[in-house]
Protein backbone atom coordinates (compact mmCIF):
# COMPACT_ATOMS: atom_id res chain seq x y z
CA UNK A 1 11.55 -18.04 -0.82
CA UNK A 2 8.42 -16.73 -2.58
CA UNK A 3 10.50 -14.05 -4.19
CA UNK A 4 12.93 -16.62 -5.41
CA UNK A 5 10.19 -18.51 -6.84
CA UNK A 6 8.55 -15.61 -8.60
CA UNK A 7 12.01 -14.61 -10.02
CA UNK A 8 12.45 -18.12 -11.35
CA UNK A 9 9.07 -18.11 -12.85
CA UNK A 10 9.36 -14.68 -14.58
CA UNK A 11 12.78 -15.95 -16.20
CA UNK A 12 11.35 -19.18 -17.31
CA UNK A 13 8.28 -17.45 -18.81
CA UNK A 14 10.54 -14.81 -20.62
CA UNK A 15 12.84 -17.76 -21.89
CA UNK A 16 9.60 -19.63 -23.47
CA UNK A 17 8.41 -16.55 -25.07
CA UNK A 18 11.51 -15.63 -26.76
CA UNK A 19 12.20 -19.15 -27.79
CA UNK A 20 10.35 -18.33 -30.83
CA UNK A 21 13.55 -17.56 -32.83
CA UNK A 22 15.78 -14.94 -32.78
CA UNK A 23 14.73 -12.72 -35.90
CA UNK A 24 11.17 -12.83 -34.85
CA UNK A 25 12.18 -11.64 -31.30
CA UNK A 26 14.45 -8.99 -32.72
CA UNK A 27 11.66 -7.50 -35.07
CA UNK A 28 9.40 -6.85 -32.11
CA UNK A 29 11.66 -6.59 -29.18
CA UNK A 30 10.53 -3.16 -27.71
CA UNK A 31 6.76 -4.31 -27.82
CA UNK A 32 7.60 -7.80 -26.65
CA UNK A 33 9.79 -6.84 -23.86
CA UNK A 34 6.64 -4.68 -22.36
CA UNK A 35 4.04 -7.42 -22.99
CA UNK A 36 6.48 -9.85 -21.41
CA UNK A 37 7.01 -8.03 -18.02
CA UNK A 38 3.17 -7.40 -17.72
CA UNK A 39 2.36 -11.09 -18.51
CA UNK A 40 5.00 -12.32 -16.33
CA UNK A 41 3.96 -10.28 -13.27
CA UNK A 42 0.45 -11.41 -13.72
CA UNK A 43 1.52 -15.18 -14.11
CA UNK A 44 3.75 -15.12 -11.01
CA UNK A 45 0.93 -13.29 -8.81
CA UNK A 46 -1.45 -16.08 -9.86
CA UNK A 47 0.95 -18.73 -9.19
CA UNK A 48 2.15 -17.40 -5.85
CA UNK A 49 -1.27 -16.79 -4.48
CA UNK A 50 -2.14 -20.47 -5.15
CA UNK A 51 1.09 -21.94 -3.10
CA UNK A 52 0.07 -23.65 0.18
CA UNK A 53 2.27 -23.19 3.09
CA UNK A 54 2.24 -23.89 6.85
CA UNK A 55 1.64 -20.96 9.07
CA UNK A 56 1.37 -20.44 12.70
CA UNK A 57 -1.53 -17.89 13.55
CA UNK A 58 -1.59 -15.84 16.82
CA UNK A 59 -5.52 -15.62 17.45
CA UNK A 60 -4.81 -12.74 19.97
CA UNK A 61 -2.66 -10.43 17.94
CA UNK A 62 -4.14 -11.52 14.31
CA UNK A 63 -0.62 -12.04 13.08
CA UNK A 64 0.49 -15.19 11.10
CA UNK A 65 4.21 -16.39 10.85
CA UNK A 66 6.27 -19.13 9.36
CA UNK A 67 6.80 -22.03 11.79
CA UNK A 68 10.46 -21.24 12.18
CA UNK A 69 9.89 -17.55 13.13
CA UNK A 70 11.49 -16.52 16.72
CA UNK A 71 8.13 -14.77 17.49
CA UNK A 72 5.86 -17.85 16.61
CA UNK A 73 7.79 -19.89 19.23
CA UNK A 74 6.69 -17.39 21.79
CA UNK A 75 3.02 -17.89 21.31
CA UNK A 76 1.15 -19.24 24.08
CA UNK A 77 -0.82 -22.49 23.50
CA UNK A 78 -4.42 -20.83 23.76
CA UNK A 79 -3.56 -17.95 21.45
CA UNK A 80 -1.47 -20.44 18.77
CA UNK A 81 -3.39 -22.08 16.03
CA UNK A 82 -1.59 -24.06 13.20
CA UNK A 83 -2.64 -23.60 9.43
CA UNK A 84 -1.89 -25.08 6.17
CA UNK A 85 -3.28 -22.88 3.33
CA UNK A 86 -2.43 -19.97 1.01
CA UNK A 87 -1.22 -16.81 2.11
CA UNK A 88 -4.05 -14.97 0.68
CA UNK A 89 -6.50 -17.18 2.45
CA UNK A 90 -4.90 -16.47 5.90
CA UNK A 91 -5.16 -12.58 5.04
CA UNK A 92 -8.66 -12.96 3.92
CA UNK A 93 -9.30 -14.05 7.63
CA UNK A 94 -8.32 -10.79 8.82
CA UNK A 95 -4.60 -11.79 9.55
CA UNK A 96 -1.58 -9.59 8.97
CA UNK A 97 1.92 -11.10 8.14
CA UNK A 98 4.46 -11.01 10.78
CA UNK A 99 7.03 -8.03 10.51
CA UNK A 100 9.99 -10.30 11.25
CA UNK A 101 9.55 -13.53 9.17
CA UNK A 102 7.42 -11.75 6.41
CA UNK A 103 5.33 -14.90 5.20
């Protein structure tokens, strides 16, 4: 889901930058494309790090999961914690992403 959002944001940014008019974009096409990719990557990273989601934390294994993950459903109540926030915030608390659901 995050990859799809990143691709859509990158596409939207590229379209808005090149909406300046055909002649202007053609004259500086090579330079503009290089800059656009760098700017798009930076913008997409900033936006995706601000997206808040629901996660299930395993306080024993220090893994975090999407609530729909098969592995998350197996976590015992004593090791299970629900969390709503950004992916970066969970990682900064020492948790690693689940290898199955890849949150």
